[in-house]
Amino acid sequence: MAYGMGKVPRTSGRAIDFTLIDLNGNAHTLSDYRGKIVFLNFWATWCPPCRAEMPSMQKLYQSWDKEKYVLLAVDIGQDRERVKSFADENGYTFTILLDSQGRIAGKYGIRGIPTTCLIDQQGNLITRIVGSREWSLKEVERIVK
């Protein structure tokens, strides 16, 4: 599935700011998380590799210092009810944002999912990782360093 629109953005430099709504109707703006490392994951409930990596994302979220890290999982193209049901059924407690029109995924040049972007404390895009992974805090720290 392709969500890219126009040229693919750099894999480093300032992360593109955005505001999206979470499953509870609260707005989240990326720049509000400056000072923290942001794990920004693009996914969808229908995507088998996305579903495969989510349990490790939950473990990662539970293991890290919430003062230093934030996990934002951006669902692309689905309605709130479907995504909320999926999250509730699987016990996911990290922040899930809704990009129902795929606009933010397009701005980030997302061509396939899952794709994870790591953003440093200053709001710079460190890297973009395409494909499912078994995430650990040590791996995230290694990539950030």
N, C-alpha and C. Protein backbone atom coordinates (compact mmCIF):
# COMPACT_ATOMS: atom_id res chain seq x y z
N MET A 1 0.85 -1.18 0.00
CA MET A 1 0.00 0.00 0.00
C MET A 1 0.89 1.23 0.00
N ALA A 2 0.60 2.16 -0.84
CA ALA A 2 1.41 3.37 -0.94
C ALA A 2 0.62 4.58 -0.48
N TYR A 3 1.23 5.36 0.40
CA TYR A 3 0.60 6.57 0.87
C TYR A 3 1.43 7.79 0.51
N GLY A 4 2.57 7.57 -0.15
CA GLY A 4 3.46 8.68 -0.47
C GLY A 4 2.81 9.65 -1.45
N MET A 5 3.08 10.90 -1.28
CA MET A 5 2.58 11.93 -2.18
C MET A 5 3.75 12.84 -2.49
N GLY A 6 4.15 12.91 -3.76
CA GLY A 6 5.27 13.76 -4.11
C GLY A 6 6.58 13.09 -3.78
N LYS A 7 7.64 13.90 -3.62
CA LYS A 7 8.95 13.33 -3.36
C LYS A 7 9.05 12.81 -1.93
N VAL A 8 9.92 11.84 -1.75
CA VAL A 8 10.13 11.26 -0.43
C VAL A 8 10.98 12.22 0.39
N PRO A 9 10.56 12.55 1.60
CA PRO A 9 11.33 13.48 2.42
C PRO A 9 12.67 12.88 2.85
N ARG A 10 13.56 13.74 3.30
CA ARG A 10 14.86 13.29 3.79
C ARG A 10 14.66 12.31 4.94
N THR A 11 15.68 11.46 5.15
CA THR A 11 15.62 10.55 6.29
C THR A 11 16.30 11.16 7.50
N SER A 12 16.72 12.39 7.37
CA SER A 12 17.25 13.12 8.52
C SER A 12 16.81 14.58 8.37
N GLY A 13 17.07 15.37 9.38
CA GLY A 13 16.60 16.76 9.38
C GLY A 13 15.41 16.89 10.30
N ARG A 14 14.77 18.04 10.27
CA ARG A 14 13.63 18.32 11.15
C ARG A 14 12.45 17.42 10.78
N ALA A 15 11.86 16.79 11.79
CA ALA A 15 10.66 15.97 11.58
C ALA A 15 9.50 16.91 11.25
N ILE A 16 8.63 16.48 10.38
CA ILE A 16 7.47 17.27 9.97
C ILE A 16 6.46 17.30 11.12
N ASP A 17 6.10 18.48 11.55
CA ASP A 17 5.16 18.62 12.66
C ASP A 17 3.74 18.29 12.18
N PHE A 18 2.93 17.81 13.09
CA PHE A 18 1.54 17.49 12.78
C PHE A 18 0.73 17.45 14.07
N THR A 19 -0.58 17.48 13.91
CA THR A 19 -1.51 17.27 15.02
C THR A 19 -2.52 16.23 14.56
N LEU A 20 -2.69 15.18 15.37
CA LEU A 20 -3.68 14.14 15.11
C LEU A 20 -4.44 13.85 16.39
N ILE A 21 -5.59 13.24 16.23
CA ILE A 21 -6.47 12.89 17.35
C ILE A 21 -6.22 11.44 17.75
N ASP A 22 -6.23 11.18 19.07
CA ASP A 22 -6.07 9.81 19.55
C ASP A 22 -7.43 9.12 19.66
N LEU A 23 -7.43 7.89 20.14
CA LEU A 23 -8.67 7.10 20.22
C LEU A 23 -9.68 7.66 21.22
N ASN A 24 -9.22 8.55 22.11
CA ASN A 24 -10.12 9.17 23.08
C ASN A 24 -10.54 10.58 22.68
N GLY A 25 -10.15 11.01 21.47
CA GLY A 25 -10.54 12.33 20.99
C GLY A 25 -9.60 13.46 21.40
N ASN A 26 -8.45 13.12 22.01
CA ASN A 26 -7.48 14.13 22.42
C ASN A 26 -6.50 14.42 21.29
N ALA A 27 -6.16 15.70 21.12
CA ALA A 27 -5.21 16.10 20.09
C ALA A 27 -3.78 15.94 20.59
N HIS A 28 -2.91 15.46 19.70
CA HIS A 28 -1.48 15.32 19.99
C HIS A 28 -0.72 16.02 18.87
N THR A 29 0.18 16.93 19.25
CA THR A 29 1.02 17.64 18.30
C THR A 29 2.46 17.16 18.51
N LEU A 30 3.10 16.74 17.43
CA LEU A 30 4.44 16.18 17.53
C LEU A 30 5.40 17.11 18.25
N SER A 31 5.39 18.38 17.92
CA SER A 31 6.35 19.32 18.53
C SER A 31 6.16 19.47 20.04
N ASP A 32 5.01 19.07 20.57
CA ASP A 32 4.79 19.11 22.02
C ASP A 32 5.69 18.11 22.75
N TYR A 33 6.25 17.15 22.01
CA TYR A 33 7.09 16.12 22.61
C TYR A 33 8.58 16.43 22.51
N ARG A 34 8.93 17.67 22.13
CA ARG A 34 10.35 18.05 22.12
C ARG A 34 10.91 17.81 23.50
N GLY A 35 12.15 17.34 23.54
CA GLY A 35 12.78 16.99 24.81
C GLY A 35 12.70 15.50 25.07
N LYS A 36 11.89 14.78 24.28
CA LYS A 36 11.77 13.33 24.39
C LYS A 36 12.16 12.69 23.07
N ILE A 37 12.57 11.43 23.14
CA ILE A 37 12.78 10.65 21.94
C ILE A 37 11.42 10.10 21.54
N VAL A 38 11.04 10.31 20.28
CA VAL A 38 9.73 9.88 19.80
C VAL A 38 9.89 8.68 18.88
N PHE A 39 9.16 7.63 19.21
CA PHE A 39 9.05 6.42 18.40
C PHE A 39 7.73 6.59 17.65
N LEU A 40 7.80 6.91 16.37
CA LEU A 40 6.62 7.22 15.56
C LEU A 40 6.41 6.09 14.56
N ASN A 41 5.36 5.31 14.78
CA ASN A 41 5.11 4.12 13.98
C ASN A 41 3.85 4.30 13.14
N PHE A 42 3.95 4.04 11.83
CA PHE A 42 2.81 4.08 10.91
C PHE A 42 2.36 2.66 10.65
N TRP A 43 1.06 2.39 10.76
CA TRP A 43 0.55 1.02 10.70
C TRP A 43 -0.93 1.02 10.35
N ALA A 44 -1.52 -0.19 10.25
CA ALA A 44 -2.97 -0.38 10.08
C ALA A 44 -3.34 -1.76 10.64
N THR A 45 -4.57 -1.89 11.09
CA THR A 45 -5.00 -3.16 11.70
C THR A 45 -5.03 -4.32 10.72
N TRP A 46 -5.22 -4.06 9.43
CA TRP A 46 -5.31 -5.12 8.43
C TRP A 46 -3.93 -5.64 8.00
N CYS A 47 -2.86 -5.01 8.46
CA CYS A 47 -1.49 -5.31 8.03
C CYS A 47 -0.86 -6.40 8.91
N PRO A 48 -0.65 -7.63 8.39
CA PRO A 48 -0.06 -8.70 9.22
C PRO A 48 1.30 -8.35 9.84
N PRO A 49 2.25 -7.74 9.10
CA PRO A 49 3.52 -7.40 9.76
C PRO A 49 3.34 -6.34 10.86
N CYS A 50 2.38 -5.44 10.68
CA CYS A 50 2.10 -4.44 11.72
C CYS A 50 1.60 -5.13 12.98
N ARG A 51 0.65 -6.03 12.80
CA ARG A 51 0.10 -6.76 13.95
C ARG A 51 1.18 -7.59 14.63
N ALA A 52 2.12 -8.13 13.85
CA ALA A 52 3.17 -8.97 14.41
C ALA A 52 4.12 -8.19 15.32
N GLU A 53 4.40 -6.91 14.99
CA GLU A 53 5.36 -6.15 15.80
C GLU A 53 4.72 -5.44 16.99
N MET A 54 3.41 -5.33 17.00
CA MET A 54 2.77 -4.54 18.06
C MET A 54 2.96 -5.09 19.47
N PRO A 55 2.97 -6.41 19.69
CA PRO A 55 3.24 -6.88 21.06
C PRO A 55 4.62 -6.42 21.56
N SER A 56 5.63 -6.40 20.70
CA SER A 56 6.94 -5.93 21.14
C SER A 56 6.92 -4.42 21.38
N MET A 57 6.10 -3.69 20.63
CA MET A 57 5.96 -2.25 20.88
C MET A 57 5.33 -2.02 22.25
N GLN A 58 4.35 -2.84 22.61
CA GLN A 58 3.71 -2.72 23.92
C GLN A 58 4.73 -2.98 25.03
N LYS A 59 5.55 -4.03 24.86
CA LYS A 59 6.59 -4.33 25.85
C LYS A 59 7.59 -3.18 25.94
N LEU A 60 7.98 -2.64 24.80
CA LEU A 60 8.90 -1.50 24.77
C LEU A 60 8.30 -0.33 25.53
N TYR A 61 7.06 -0.01 25.23
CA TYR A 61 6.36 1.10 25.89
C TYR A 61 6.31 0.90 27.41
N GLN A 62 6.06 -0.32 27.85
CA GLN A 62 5.97 -0.60 29.28
C GLN A 62 7.33 -0.55 29.96
N SER A 63 8.41 -0.77 29.20
CA SER A 63 9.74 -0.89 29.81
C SER A 63 10.49 0.43 29.93
N TRP A 64 10.09 1.45 29.19
CA TRP A 64 10.94 2.64 29.17
C TRP A 64 10.44 3.75 30.06
N ASP A 65 11.33 4.71 30.28
CA ASP A 65 11.07 5.88 31.11
C ASP A 65 10.19 6.84 30.31
N LYS A 66 8.96 7.04 30.75
CA LYS A 66 7.99 7.89 30.03
C LYS A 66 8.41 9.37 30.03
N GLU A 67 9.37 9.73 30.89
CA GLU A 67 9.90 11.10 30.88
C GLU A 67 10.88 11.32 29.73
N LYS A 68 11.44 10.22 29.20
CA LYS A 68 12.45 10.31 28.15
C LYS A 68 11.94 9.92 26.77
N TYR A 69 10.93 9.05 26.74
CA TYR A 69 10.46 8.48 25.48
C TYR A 69 8.95 8.62 25.34
N VAL A 70 8.50 8.67 24.08
CA VAL A 70 7.08 8.62 23.78
C VAL A 70 6.88 7.72 22.56
N LEU A 71 5.82 6.95 22.58
CA LEU A 71 5.48 6.08 21.47
C LEU A 71 4.16 6.57 20.89
N LEU A 72 4.18 6.90 19.60
CA LEU A 72 2.97 7.32 18.89
C LEU A 72 2.78 6.35 17.72
N ALA A 73 1.69 5.61 17.75
CA ALA A 73 1.37 4.68 16.69
C ALA A 73 0.27 5.31 15.83
N VAL A 74 0.59 5.61 14.58
CA VAL A 74 -0.34 6.32 13.70
C VAL A 74 -1.02 5.32 12.77
N ASP A 75 -2.30 5.08 13.02
CA ASP A 75 -3.08 4.20 12.14
C ASP A 75 -3.47 4.99 10.89
N ILE A 76 -3.26 4.36 9.75
CA ILE A 76 -3.52 5.02 8.48
C ILE A 76 -4.81 4.50 7.85
N GLY A 77 -5.73 5.41 7.61
CA GLY A 77 -6.88 5.13 6.76
C GLY A 77 -8.03 4.35 7.36
N GLN A 78 -8.08 4.21 8.66
CA GLN A 78 -9.16 3.43 9.25
C GLN A 78 -9.98 4.28 10.22
N ASP A 79 -11.20 3.81 10.49
CA ASP A 79 -12.06 4.57 11.39
C ASP A 79 -11.75 4.25 12.85
N ARG A 80 -12.12 5.17 13.71
CA ARG A 80 -11.83 5.09 15.14
C ARG A 80 -12.36 3.80 15.77
N GLU A 81 -13.57 3.40 15.45
CA GLU A 81 -14.18 2.23 16.08
C GLU A 81 -13.38 0.97 15.79
N ARG A 82 -12.97 0.80 14.55
CA ARG A 82 -12.19 -0.40 14.18
C ARG A 82 -10.86 -0.42 14.92
N VAL A 83 -10.18 0.71 14.95
CA VAL A 83 -8.87 0.79 15.58
C VAL A 83 -8.98 0.62 17.09
N LYS A 84 -9.97 1.26 17.69
CA LYS A 84 -10.17 1.15 19.14
C LYS A 84 -10.50 -0.29 19.53
N SER A 85 -11.33 -0.95 18.78
CA SER A 85 -11.66 -2.34 19.05
C SER A 85 -10.40 -3.21 18.99
N PHE A 86 -9.57 -3.01 17.98
CA PHE A 86 -8.33 -3.76 17.83
C PHE A 86 -7.41 -3.51 19.03
N ALA A 87 -7.24 -2.25 19.42
CA ALA A 87 -6.36 -1.91 20.54
C ALA A 87 -6.88 -2.49 21.85
N ASP A 88 -8.18 -2.39 22.07
CA ASP A 88 -8.78 -2.92 23.30
C ASP A 88 -8.65 -4.44 23.37
N GLU A 89 -8.93 -5.12 22.26
CA GLU A 89 -8.83 -6.58 22.22
C GLU A 89 -7.43 -7.08 22.54
N ASN A 90 -6.42 -6.29 22.15
CA ASN A 90 -5.04 -6.71 22.31
C ASN A 90 -4.34 -6.08 23.51
N GLY A 91 -5.03 -5.22 24.24
CA GLY A 91 -4.47 -4.63 25.44
C GLY A 91 -3.36 -3.61 25.19
N TYR A 92 -3.40 -2.92 24.05
CA TYR A 92 -2.38 -1.92 23.75
C TYR A 92 -2.71 -0.63 24.48
N THR A 93 -1.74 -0.13 25.25
CA THR A 93 -1.96 1.04 26.07
C THR A 93 -1.16 2.26 25.62
N PHE A 94 -0.32 2.11 24.61
CA PHE A 94 0.42 3.25 24.08
C PHE A 94 -0.52 4.13 23.27
N THR A 95 -0.08 5.33 22.95
CA THR A 95 -0.92 6.30 22.25
C THR A 95 -1.09 5.91 20.78
N ILE A 96 -2.35 5.78 20.38
CA ILE A 96 -2.67 5.49 18.98
C ILE A 96 -3.38 6.70 18.41
N LEU A 97 -2.83 7.20 17.31
CA LEU A 97 -3.38 8.36 16.62
C LEU A 97 -4.03 7.94 15.31
N LEU A 98 -5.00 8.71 14.86
CA LEU A 98 -5.75 8.38 13.65
C LEU A 98 -5.41 9.34 12.51
N ASP A 99 -4.89 8.76 11.43
CA ASP A 99 -4.59 9.51 10.20
C ASP A 99 -5.53 8.95 9.14
N SER A 100 -6.82 9.22 9.32
CA SER A 100 -7.86 8.57 8.52
C SER A 100 -7.76 8.85 7.03
N GLN A 101 -7.22 9.99 6.64
CA GLN A 101 -7.07 10.32 5.23
C GLN A 101 -5.66 10.03 4.70
N GLY A 102 -4.75 9.60 5.57
CA GLY A 102 -3.39 9.31 5.14
C GLY A 102 -2.55 10.54 4.83
N ARG A 103 -2.99 11.69 5.30
CA ARG A 103 -2.27 12.93 4.97
C ARG A 103 -0.90 13.01 5.64
N ILE A 104 -0.82 12.62 6.90
CA ILE A 104 0.47 12.68 7.60
C ILE A 104 1.40 11.60 7.04
N ALA A 105 0.87 10.43 6.79
CA ALA A 105 1.68 9.37 6.16
C ALA A 105 2.23 9.87 4.83
N GLY A 106 1.43 10.60 4.08
CA GLY A 106 1.88 11.16 2.81
C GLY A 106 2.99 12.16 3.00
N LYS A 107 2.86 13.02 4.01
CA LYS A 107 3.90 14.02 4.27
C LYS A 107 5.21 13.36 4.67
N TYR A 108 5.12 12.20 5.32
CA TYR A 108 6.32 11.47 5.73
C TYR A 108 6.82 10.53 4.63
N GLY A 109 6.14 10.50 3.50
CA GLY A 109 6.60 9.66 2.39
C GLY A 109 6.48 8.18 2.66
N ILE A 110 5.48 7.80 3.45
CA ILE A 110 5.31 6.39 3.80
C ILE A 110 4.85 5.63 2.56
N ARG A 111 5.63 4.65 2.17
CA ARG A 111 5.34 3.85 0.97
C ARG A 111 4.84 2.45 1.32
N GLY A 112 5.13 2.01 2.53
CA GLY A 112 4.71 0.69 2.99
C GLY A 112 4.67 0.69 4.50
N ILE A 113 3.89 -0.22 5.05
CA ILE A 113 3.76 -0.29 6.50
C ILE A 113 4.05 -1.71 6.97
N PRO A 114 4.55 -1.83 8.19
CA PRO A 114 4.84 -0.76 9.14
C PRO A 114 6.11 0.01 8.77
N THR A 115 6.11 1.28 9.11
CA THR A 115 7.30 2.12 9.01
C THR A 115 7.41 2.87 10.33
N THR A 116 8.62 2.85 10.90
CA THR A 116 8.88 3.53 12.16
C THR A 116 9.91 4.62 11.94
N CYS A 117 9.61 5.80 12.44
CA CYS A 117 10.55 6.92 12.42
C CYS A 117 10.96 7.19 13.86
N LEU A 118 12.26 7.37 14.06
CA LEU A 118 12.75 7.77 15.38
C LEU A 118 13.16 9.24 15.30
N ILE A 119 12.69 10.00 16.27
CA ILE A 119 12.89 11.45 16.30
C ILE A 119 13.60 11.79 17.61
N ASP A 120 14.68 12.58 17.51
CA ASP A 120 15.45 12.90 18.71
C ASP A 120 14.80 14.01 19.53
N GLN A 121 15.44 14.35 20.64
CA GLN A 121 14.89 15.32 21.59
C GLN A 121 14.74 16.73 21.01
N GLN A 122 15.48 17.03 19.96
CA GLN A 122 15.40 18.34 19.33
C GLN A 122 14.38 18.38 18.18
N GLY A 123 13.72 17.25 17.92
CA GLY A 123 12.72 17.20 16.86
C GLY A 123 13.29 16.84 15.51
N ASN A 124 14.49 16.26 15.48
CA ASN A 124 15.11 15.84 14.23
C ASN A 124 14.85 14.38 13.94
N LEU A 125 14.55 14.09 12.70
CA LEU A 125 14.34 12.70 12.26
C LEU A 125 15.68 12.00 12.23
N ILE A 126 15.83 10.97 13.04
CA ILE A 126 17.09 10.22 13.12
C ILE A 126 17.13 9.16 12.02
N THR A 127 16.06 8.38 11.91
CA THR A 127 16.03 7.30 10.94
C THR A 127 14.60 6.90 10.65
N ARG A 128 14.45 6.17 9.54
CA ARG A 128 13.17 5.59 9.14
C ARG A 128 13.43 4.11 8.90
N ILE A 129 12.65 3.26 9.55
CA ILE A 129 12.83 1.82 9.44
C ILE A 129 11.56 1.23 8.86
N VAL A 130 11.70 0.57 7.72
CA VAL A 130 10.55 -0.03 7.05
C VAL A 130 10.53 -1.52 7.36
N GLY A 131 9.37 -2.01 7.75
CA GLY A 131 9.20 -3.43 8.02
C GLY A 131 9.02 -3.71 9.50
N SER A 132 8.53 -4.89 9.77
CA SER A 132 8.24 -5.34 11.12
C SER A 132 9.54 -5.69 11.85
N ARG A 133 9.56 -5.40 13.14
CA ARG A 133 10.72 -5.71 14.00
C ARG A 133 10.23 -6.21 15.34
N GLU A 134 11.14 -6.87 16.02
CA GLU A 134 10.94 -7.21 17.42
C GLU A 134 11.68 -6.11 18.19
N TRP A 135 10.94 -5.14 18.71
CA TRP A 135 11.54 -3.94 19.30
C TRP A 135 12.00 -4.18 20.73
N SER A 136 13.14 -3.58 21.07
CA SER A 136 13.63 -3.60 22.45
C SER A 136 14.19 -2.21 22.76
N LEU A 137 14.25 -1.88 24.04
CA LEU A 137 14.78 -0.59 24.45
C LEU A 137 16.25 -0.46 24.05
N LYS A 138 17.01 -1.55 24.16
CA LYS A 138 18.43 -1.51 23.79
C LYS A 138 18.58 -1.18 22.32
N GLU A 139 17.71 -1.74 21.46
CA GLU A 139 17.79 -1.45 20.04
C GLU A 139 17.48 0.02 19.76
N VAL A 140 16.45 0.55 20.40
CA VAL A 140 16.09 1.96 20.19
C VAL A 140 17.23 2.85 20.66
N GLU A 141 17.80 2.56 21.82
CA GLU A 141 18.91 3.36 22.34
C GLU A 141 20.12 3.28 21.40
N ARG A 142 20.40 2.10 20.85
CA ARG A 142 21.51 1.94 19.91
C ARG A 142 21.30 2.79 18.67
N ILE A 143 20.11 2.80 18.13
CA ILE A 143 19.80 3.58 16.93
C ILE A 143 19.92 5.07 17.22
N VAL A 144 19.42 5.50 18.37
CA VAL A 144 19.44 6.92 18.71
C VAL A 144 20.88 7.40 18.90
N LYS A 145 21.74 6.55 19.49
CA LYS A 145 23.15 6.95 19.69
C LYS A 145 23.87 6.94 18.38
